[in-house]
Amino acid sequence: MDVLHQGILALVKSALTGTKTVLPEGFLPEMADVCVRQQSLLPLFFQGAYICGLPMQTEQMQKYQKKYFQILRHSELQMRALKQVFAAFEEHEIDYLPMKGCNMKALYPQPEVRMMGDADVLIRMEQYPQICRILESLGFVPGKESHHELPWKRDDLYLELHKAMVPATEKEFYAFFGIGWQMAELQQGHRYVLKKEDEFLFLFTHMAKHYRWRGIGIRQFLDLYVFRNTHPDMDEQYIEAGMERLHLLEFYRNTKTLLDVWFGDGIPNEKTDYMTAYIFSAGNWGLHENSIYGAQLKMHPGGQDVRNTKRKELWDAVFPPLDRMRYRFPVLKKRPYLYPLFWPVRWLQLIFRTPRIIRKKLQIVRDLDDDKVRERRQALNYVGLDFYEE
């Protein structure tokens, strides 16, 4: 673990614990600017710098302070909006289960240091028509539906309503969690919760899903650390049994070791250094090329047949399947026979709206070869991850 990673983690630890930490020799705050922005760590970094007594009058810290107060204001608006949504759900007897950031913000020393891009809430699909009317009355507008999520937007909140806790396409994870309601316990009114061990399993699985597909940044690892510290009495035997069923036990143990190195008394080793470098290099939400390799690994467990992956990726780019197209063009839900007529519409969107993204994806697909796929599999296997299909 290099000086840059050590310094960032030391300041993040100070923000999480409220105690001053010793910064590594040779670390300067300005060294971390690019990484802090890529990893969306600014509130934690700034708070840690303040606790550790770093100079606050530098140009960098003055910019961070201004941005910190903007994030604080946005966080307050988000939570106020979310409270309004939940109150409306209660009034109209709508069952809801808040997930991820909705719950995690309250566990951090200051809610604003845990940034939340969107608010994830599990709902019952049979109540969705009523939910639509409620959200419209509150000034929300619907976004593009996916097979897994139903987004709604307002200036102060991006709300993601979930049809299930995990996508059905993640078969081994879906086999464990299902839609999710069977694991839920009524807290009060119409608000549901998971028991702490199940919530931790869900947080970890969500992180592992991203790590496996695209890669994932530091923030979701921080959630795991904060959650464990908040609930030190969790049943570890239950958690390990769940991880084993999810095919995540080895990765879980490696992650525990990693977090102990980052924030405890753990001694770094080759594997923790490797994971640290990978997590920091991936940015907040990973790299797109990793998802192409992941698709290859999932379709062909042996890592073979790269040509088929190339053909499929190119074909899907030109002729998206109906299950994707119907979310982009809702009319296809009721009139699927119009599906071929919308291909030219989609092509025009790609040409005029996202040409750079398409060019990049096509370049990644062209560059895909057996060696890169094999390297990706070895990288995942090294930390205890793979794609398992029942």
Protein backbone atom coordinates (compact mmCIF):
# COMPACT_ATOMS: atom_id res chain seq x y z
CA MET A 1 0.00 0.00 0.00
CA ASP A 2 1.60 3.25 -1.12
CA VAL A 3 1.83 6.59 0.69
CA LEU A 4 -1.13 8.07 -1.19
CA HIS A 5 -3.49 5.25 -0.17
CA GLN A 6 -2.19 5.26 3.41
CA GLY A 7 -2.73 9.01 3.73
CA ILE A 8 -6.26 8.98 2.33
CA LEU A 9 -7.27 6.04 4.51
CA ALA A 10 -5.77 7.70 7.59
CA LEU A 11 -7.85 10.85 7.04
CA VAL A 12 -10.98 8.81 6.31
CA LYS A 13 -10.40 6.86 9.52
CA SER A 14 -10.16 10.13 11.46
CA ALA A 15 -13.48 11.27 10.00
CA LEU A 16 -15.14 7.96 10.91
CA THR A 17 -13.75 7.71 14.43
CA GLY A 18 -13.44 11.37 15.38
CA THR A 19 -9.83 10.82 16.50
CA LYS A 20 -6.59 12.19 15.13
CA THR A 21 -4.45 9.71 13.21
CA VAL A 22 -0.77 9.81 12.27
CA LEU A 23 -0.28 10.53 8.58
CA PRO A 24 2.42 8.63 6.69
CA GLU A 25 5.70 10.40 6.07
CA GLY A 26 5.75 12.16 2.71
CA PHE A 27 1.97 12.44 2.34
CA LEU A 28 0.60 15.84 1.28
CA PRO A 29 -3.14 16.58 0.90
CA GLU A 30 -2.72 17.94 -2.63
CA MET A 31 -1.41 14.53 -3.72
CA ALA A 32 -4.88 13.10 -3.10
CA ASP A 33 -7.03 15.59 -5.00
CA VAL A 34 -7.70 13.48 -8.12
CA CYS A 35 -8.35 10.32 -6.12
CA VAL A 36 -10.63 12.11 -3.64
CA ARG A 37 -12.80 13.41 -6.48
CA GLN A 38 -12.84 10.09 -8.36
CA GLN A 39 -13.84 8.21 -5.21
CA SER A 40 -16.38 10.84 -4.01
CA LEU A 41 -14.58 11.10 -0.68
CA LEU A 42 -14.49 14.87 -0.30
CA PRO A 43 -16.65 15.20 2.86
CA LEU A 44 -14.76 12.43 4.65
CA PHE A 45 -11.36 13.71 3.50
CA PHE A 46 -12.16 17.28 4.55
CA GLN A 47 -13.54 16.21 7.92
CA GLY A 48 -10.49 14.01 8.55
CA ALA A 49 -8.12 16.82 7.57
CA TYR A 50 -9.85 19.14 10.05
CA ILE A 51 -9.65 16.58 12.87
CA CYS A 52 -5.97 15.91 12.11
CA GLY A 53 -5.17 19.62 12.28
CA LEU A 54 -4.11 20.11 8.67
CA PRO A 55 -3.99 23.75 7.50
CA MET A 56 -7.45 24.89 6.45
CA GLN A 57 -6.35 28.08 4.66
CA THR A 58 -4.80 26.41 1.63
CA GLU A 59 -6.47 26.83 -1.76
CA GLN A 60 -7.37 23.14 -1.82
CA MET A 61 -9.00 23.13 1.62
CA GLN A 62 -10.89 26.35 0.92
CA LYS A 63 -12.37 24.72 -2.19
CA TYR A 64 -13.15 21.57 -0.20
CA GLN A 65 -14.82 23.59 2.53
CA LYS A 66 -17.09 25.33 0.02
CA LYS A 67 -17.99 22.01 -1.58
CA TYR A 68 -18.49 20.43 1.85
CA PHE A 69 -21.19 22.96 2.75
CA GLN A 70 -22.87 22.37 -0.62
CA ILE A 71 -22.89 18.63 0.11
CA LEU A 72 -24.25 19.31 3.61
CA ARG A 73 -27.12 21.32 2.17
CA HIS A 74 -27.86 18.69 -0.48
CA SER A 75 -27.84 15.94 2.14
CA GLU A 76 -30.32 17.84 4.28
CA LEU A 77 -32.62 18.36 1.29
CA GLN A 78 -32.39 14.68 0.38
CA MET A 79 -33.32 13.49 3.86
CA ARG A 80 -36.15 16.02 4.14
CA ALA A 81 -37.55 14.85 0.80
CA LEU A 82 -37.20 11.20 1.78
CA LYS A 83 -39.03 11.88 5.04
CA GLN A 84 -41.83 13.48 3.02
CA VAL A 85 -42.06 10.42 0.74
CA PHE A 86 -42.16 8.00 3.66
CA ALA A 87 -44.83 10.09 5.42
CA ALA A 88 -46.96 9.91 2.27
CA PHE A 89 -46.44 6.15 2.09
CA GLU A 90 -47.58 5.83 5.70
CA GLU A 91 -50.63 7.99 5.07
CA HIS A 92 -51.69 5.87 2.11
CA GLU A 93 -50.73 2.51 3.71
CA ILE A 94 -47.89 1.74 1.31
CA ASP A 95 -45.38 -0.85 2.49
CA TYR A 96 -41.73 0.16 2.01
CA LEU A 97 -38.28 -1.11 2.97
CA PRO A 98 -35.46 1.50 2.85
CA MET A 99 -32.09 0.10 1.74
CA LYS A 100 -28.42 1.03 1.49
CA GLY A 101 -27.80 4.78 1.78
CA CYS A 102 -31.25 5.49 3.22
CA ASN A 103 -30.17 3.58 6.32
CA MET A 104 -26.40 4.03 6.20
CA LYS A 105 -26.35 7.83 6.40
CA ALA A 106 -27.66 7.72 9.98
CA LEU A 107 -24.84 5.39 11.05
CA TYR A 108 -22.02 7.77 10.10
CA PRO A 109 -20.75 10.38 12.60
CA GLN A 110 -22.38 13.09 10.46
CA PRO A 111 -24.95 12.01 7.85
CA GLU A 112 -23.55 14.38 5.22
CA VAL A 113 -20.16 12.64 5.07
CA ARG A 114 -21.94 9.59 3.66
CA MET A 115 -22.92 10.90 0.23
CA MET A 116 -26.02 9.34 -1.37
CA GLY A 117 -26.55 9.55 -5.10
CA ASP A 118 -29.99 7.98 -4.95
CA ALA A 119 -32.38 6.65 -2.33
CA ASP A 120 -33.13 2.92 -2.73
CA VAL A 121 -36.47 1.62 -1.47
CA LEU A 122 -38.03 -1.82 -1.94
CA ILE A 123 -41.75 -1.71 -2.73
CA ARG A 124 -44.54 -4.18 -3.43
CA MET A 125 -45.26 -4.10 -7.16
CA GLU A 126 -49.00 -4.57 -6.62
CA GLN A 127 -48.98 -1.17 -4.90
CA TYR A 128 -47.05 0.57 -7.67
CA PRO A 129 -50.06 2.20 -9.44
CA GLN A 130 -50.97 3.89 -6.15
CA ILE A 131 -47.32 4.82 -5.54
CA CYS A 132 -47.20 6.51 -8.96
CA ARG A 133 -50.11 8.75 -8.05
CA ILE A 134 -48.52 9.63 -4.70
CA LEU A 135 -45.16 10.54 -6.22
CA GLU A 136 -46.75 12.58 -9.00
CA SER A 137 -48.69 14.53 -6.36
CA LEU A 138 -45.37 15.26 -4.61
CA GLY A 139 -43.83 16.66 -7.79
CA PHE A 140 -41.71 13.66 -8.82
CA VAL A 141 -41.40 12.62 -12.45
CA PRO A 142 -40.66 9.06 -13.60
CA GLY A 143 -37.35 8.08 -15.15
CA LYS A 144 -36.55 5.13 -17.41
CA GLU A 145 -37.72 1.86 -15.91
CA SER A 146 -35.35 -1.13 -15.91
CA HIS A 147 -36.01 -4.80 -15.22
CA HIS A 148 -34.95 -4.13 -11.63
CA GLU A 149 -35.65 -0.48 -10.78
CA LEU A 150 -38.28 2.23 -11.11
CA PRO A 151 -36.60 5.65 -10.88
CA TRP A 152 -38.40 8.87 -9.90
CA LYS A 153 -36.77 12.30 -9.90
CA ARG A 154 -37.27 15.63 -8.19
CA ASP A 155 -34.76 18.45 -7.79
CA ASP A 156 -33.98 17.43 -4.22
CA LEU A 157 -34.08 13.63 -4.52
CA TYR A 158 -33.39 10.82 -6.98
CA LEU A 159 -35.57 7.95 -5.79
CA GLU A 160 -35.02 4.37 -6.98
CA LEU A 161 -37.89 2.05 -6.23
CA HIS A 162 -36.81 -1.58 -6.38
CA LYS A 163 -38.92 -4.44 -7.65
CA ALA A 164 -36.56 -6.86 -5.88
CA MET A 165 -33.55 -6.54 -3.60
CA VAL A 166 -31.18 -7.89 -6.26
CA PRO A 167 -31.62 -8.29 -10.03
CA ALA A 168 -33.00 -11.65 -11.12
CA THR A 169 -30.13 -11.79 -13.63
CA GLU A 170 -27.74 -12.36 -10.69
CA LYS A 171 -29.08 -15.88 -10.29
CA GLU A 172 -27.01 -17.07 -7.33
CA PHE A 173 -27.73 -13.88 -5.38
CA TYR A 174 -31.41 -13.83 -6.35
CA ALA A 175 -31.73 -17.44 -5.17
CA PHE A 176 -30.72 -16.25 -1.69
CA PHE A 177 -32.59 -12.92 -1.41
CA GLY A 178 -35.47 -13.43 -3.82
CA ILE A 179 -37.69 -10.37 -4.10
CA GLY A 180 -36.80 -9.63 -0.48
CA TRP A 181 -40.13 -9.31 1.30
CA GLN A 182 -39.89 -12.80 2.75
CA MET A 183 -36.85 -11.58 4.76
CA ALA A 184 -38.45 -8.31 5.89
CA GLU A 185 -39.72 -7.58 9.39
CA LEU A 186 -42.28 -4.89 10.18
CA GLN A 187 -40.65 -2.10 12.19
CA GLN A 188 -43.62 0.23 12.65
CA GLY A 189 -46.52 1.50 10.58
CA HIS A 190 -45.74 0.36 7.06
CA ARG A 191 -41.94 0.62 7.30
CA TYR A 192 -40.07 -2.68 7.07
CA VAL A 193 -36.50 -3.57 7.95
CA LEU A 194 -34.13 -6.50 7.62
CA LYS A 195 -32.57 -8.04 10.67
CA LYS A 196 -29.02 -6.76 11.04
CA GLU A 197 -27.29 -9.89 9.79
CA ASP A 198 -29.44 -9.98 6.65
CA GLU A 199 -28.90 -6.28 6.02
CA PHE A 200 -25.15 -6.79 6.29
CA LEU A 201 -25.34 -9.75 3.89
CA PHE A 202 -27.25 -7.56 1.45
CA LEU A 203 -24.74 -4.68 1.71
CA PHE A 204 -21.87 -7.08 1.17
CA THR A 205 -23.56 -8.83 -1.77
CA HIS A 206 -24.29 -5.50 -3.44
CA MET A 207 -20.63 -4.53 -3.09
CA ALA A 208 -19.45 -7.94 -4.36
CA LYS A 209 -21.76 -7.67 -7.38
CA HIS A 210 -20.15 -4.39 -8.40
CA TYR A 211 -16.62 -5.60 -7.62
CA ARG A 212 -17.18 -8.66 -9.80
CA TRP A 213 -18.69 -6.82 -12.75
CA ARG A 214 -17.03 -3.41 -13.11
CA GLY A 215 -15.04 -2.91 -9.94
CA ILE A 216 -16.01 -0.71 -7.02
CA GLY A 217 -14.52 2.18 -5.09
CA ILE A 218 -13.82 2.64 -1.40
CA ARG A 219 -17.21 3.97 -0.28
CA GLN A 220 -19.06 0.65 -0.13
CA PHE A 221 -16.22 -0.84 1.87
CA LEU A 222 -16.62 2.04 4.30
CA ASP A 223 -20.30 1.12 4.67
CA LEU A 224 -19.30 -2.40 5.70
CA TYR A 225 -16.82 -1.06 8.24
CA VAL A 226 -19.32 1.42 9.71
CA PHE A 227 -22.13 -1.14 9.81
CA ARG A 228 -19.99 -3.72 11.66
CA ASN A 229 -18.80 -1.12 14.16
CA THR A 230 -22.39 -0.04 14.77
CA HIS A 231 -23.56 -3.64 15.27
CA PRO A 232 -20.64 -5.51 16.87
CA ASP A 233 -22.97 -8.15 18.31
CA MET A 234 -24.01 -9.61 14.95
CA ASP A 235 -24.11 -13.41 14.70
CA GLU A 236 -20.88 -14.17 12.81
CA GLN A 237 -21.79 -17.82 12.35
CA TYR A 238 -25.05 -16.81 10.64
CA ILE A 239 -23.17 -14.35 8.41
CA GLU A 240 -20.55 -16.89 7.36
CA ALA A 241 -23.23 -19.47 6.58
CA GLY A 242 -24.99 -16.89 4.40
CA MET A 243 -21.74 -15.97 2.65
CA GLU A 244 -21.10 -19.61 1.88
CA ARG A 245 -24.56 -20.00 0.31
CA LEU A 246 -23.86 -16.87 -1.75
CA HIS A 247 -20.45 -18.24 -2.89
CA LEU A 248 -18.83 -15.24 -1.20
CA LEU A 249 -17.19 -16.71 1.89
CA GLU A 250 -13.59 -16.48 0.69
CA PHE A 251 -14.11 -12.96 -0.62
CA TYR A 252 -15.79 -12.00 2.66
CA ARG A 253 -12.82 -13.23 4.70
CA ASN A 254 -10.40 -11.40 2.43
CA THR A 255 -12.48 -8.23 2.79
CA LYS A 256 -12.49 -8.52 6.59
CA THR A 257 -8.70 -8.76 6.50
CA LEU A 258 -8.54 -5.76 4.18
CA LEU A 259 -10.69 -3.59 6.46
CA ASP A 260 -8.58 -4.58 9.45
CA VAL A 261 -5.50 -3.42 7.53
CA TRP A 262 -7.19 -0.16 6.54
CA PHE A 263 -8.72 0.77 9.87
CA GLY A 264 -7.45 -1.65 12.50
CA ASP A 265 -4.20 -3.29 13.47
CA GLY A 266 -3.98 -5.69 10.53
CA ILE A 267 -0.66 -6.23 8.81
CA PRO A 268 -0.70 -5.62 5.03
CA ASN A 269 0.10 -8.54 2.77
CA GLU A 270 0.32 -9.11 -0.96
CA LYS A 271 -3.42 -9.74 -1.30
CA THR A 272 -4.55 -6.71 0.71
CA ASP A 273 -2.13 -4.52 -1.26
CA TYR A 274 -3.55 -5.93 -4.48
CA MET A 275 -7.16 -5.30 -3.41
CA THR A 276 -6.34 -1.78 -2.22
CA ALA A 277 -4.68 -0.86 -5.52
CA TYR A 278 -7.60 -2.31 -7.49
CA ILE A 279 -10.27 -0.54 -5.42
CA PHE A 280 -8.52 2.82 -5.64
CA SER A 281 -7.89 2.47 -9.37
CA ALA A 282 -11.51 1.64 -10.19
CA GLY A 283 -12.97 5.02 -9.27
CA ASN A 284 -16.32 5.19 -7.51
CA TRP A 285 -18.21 2.78 -9.81
CA GLY A 286 -15.56 0.77 -11.63
CA LEU A 287 -14.57 0.49 -15.28
CA HIS A 288 -16.81 -0.37 -18.22
CA GLU A 289 -14.32 -2.74 -19.82
CA ASN A 290 -14.50 -4.95 -16.74
CA SER A 291 -18.23 -5.47 -17.37
CA ILE A 292 -17.44 -6.72 -20.90
CA TYR A 293 -14.99 -9.24 -19.46
CA GLY A 294 -17.56 -10.15 -16.82
CA ALA A 295 -20.16 -10.87 -19.49
CA GLN A 296 -17.70 -13.22 -21.16
CA LEU A 297 -16.93 -15.01 -17.90
CA LYS A 298 -20.60 -15.37 -17.03
CA MET A 299 -21.56 -16.77 -20.44
CA HIS A 300 -18.57 -19.11 -20.65
CA PRO A 301 -17.27 -20.31 -17.27
CA GLY A 302 -14.15 -21.69 -18.91
CA GLY A 303 -13.31 -18.30 -20.40
CA GLN A 304 -13.59 -19.58 -23.97
CA ASP A 305 -15.42 -18.35 -27.07
CA VAL A 306 -14.48 -14.68 -27.05
CA ARG A 307 -15.73 -14.39 -30.63
CA ASN A 308 -19.27 -15.19 -29.47
CA THR A 309 -19.09 -12.41 -26.89
CA LYS A 310 -17.93 -9.93 -29.52
CA ARG A 311 -20.75 -10.90 -31.83
CA LYS A 312 -23.33 -10.70 -29.04
CA GLU A 313 -22.13 -7.30 -27.77
CA LEU A 314 -22.12 -5.84 -31.29
CA TRP A 315 -25.49 -7.36 -32.14
CA ASP A 316 -27.05 -6.05 -28.90
CA ALA A 317 -25.66 -2.58 -29.60
CA VAL A 318 -27.35 -2.52 -33.01
CA PHE A 319 -30.47 -4.58 -32.22
CA PRO A 320 -31.22 -4.28 -28.46
CA PRO A 321 -33.44 -7.12 -27.21
CA LEU A 322 -37.10 -6.44 -26.51
CA ASP A 323 -36.71 -6.68 -22.72
CA ARG A 324 -34.31 -3.70 -22.86
CA MET A 325 -36.13 -1.75 -25.53
CA ARG A 326 -39.46 -1.81 -23.69
CA TYR A 327 -37.92 0.12 -20.80
CA ARG A 328 -36.56 2.78 -23.16
CA PHE A 329 -39.83 2.93 -25.09
CA PRO A 330 -42.72 2.12 -22.72
CA VAL A 331 -45.20 1.83 -25.58
CA LEU A 332 -43.61 -1.55 -26.37
CA LYS A 333 -44.93 -2.97 -23.09
CA LYS A 334 -48.45 -2.87 -24.49
CA ARG A 335 -47.56 -3.15 -28.18
CA PRO A 336 -44.50 -5.41 -28.49
CA TYR A 337 -45.26 -6.00 -32.18
CA LEU A 338 -43.92 -2.48 -32.83
CA TYR A 339 -40.48 -3.57 -31.58
CA PRO A 340 -38.71 -3.63 -35.00
CA LEU A 341 -40.03 -0.16 -35.85
CA PHE A 342 -38.14 1.31 -32.88
CA TRP A 343 -34.73 0.04 -33.96
CA PRO A 344 -34.13 3.07 -36.23
CA VAL A 345 -35.23 5.36 -33.40
CA ARG A 346 -32.66 3.74 -31.13
CA TRP A 347 -29.96 4.03 -33.80
CA LEU A 348 -30.60 7.76 -34.14
CA GLN A 349 -30.37 8.16 -30.36
CA LEU A 350 -27.01 6.40 -30.34
CA ILE A 351 -25.66 8.43 -33.24
CA PHE A 352 -26.70 11.85 -31.95
CA ARG A 353 -26.81 11.45 -28.16
CA THR A 354 -24.09 9.00 -27.14
CA PRO A 355 -21.60 8.59 -30.02
CA ARG A 356 -18.55 8.83 -27.74
CA ILE A 357 -19.87 6.14 -25.39
CA ILE A 358 -20.70 3.83 -28.28
CA ARG A 359 -17.27 4.31 -29.86
CA LYS A 360 -15.63 3.47 -26.55
CA LYS A 361 -17.73 0.35 -26.07
CA LEU A 362 -17.03 -0.85 -29.60
CA GLN A 363 -13.31 -0.29 -29.07
CA ILE A 364 -13.41 -2.36 -25.87
CA VAL A 365 -15.27 -5.14 -27.66
CA ARG A 366 -12.78 -5.11 -30.54
CA ASP A 367 -9.87 -5.31 -28.07
CA LEU A 368 -11.40 -8.22 -26.16
CA ASP A 369 -9.25 -11.33 -26.38
CA ASP A 370 -8.71 -14.58 -24.52
CA ASP A 371 -5.70 -13.30 -22.59
CA LYS A 372 -7.58 -10.32 -21.15
CA VAL A 373 -10.52 -12.48 -20.15
CA ARG A 374 -8.18 -14.98 -18.54
CA GLU A 375 -6.47 -12.17 -16.62
CA ARG A 376 -9.83 -10.89 -15.40
CA ARG A 377 -10.82 -14.36 -14.18
CA GLN A 378 -7.50 -14.79 -12.38
CA ALA A 379 -7.91 -11.36 -10.74
CA LEU A 380 -11.36 -12.32 -9.43
CA ASN A 381 -10.29 -15.80 -8.35
CA TYR A 382 -7.36 -14.32 -6.44
CA VAL A 383 -9.70 -12.43 -4.11
CA GLY A 384 -12.28 -15.22 -3.91
CA LEU A 385 -14.81 -14.23 -6.56
CA ASP A 386 -16.24 -15.90 -9.64
CA PHE A 387 -19.47 -16.19 -11.58
CA TYR A 388 -21.64 -19.08 -10.45
CA GLU A 389 -24.62 -20.22 -12.46
CA GLU A 390 -26.96 -22.84 -11.00
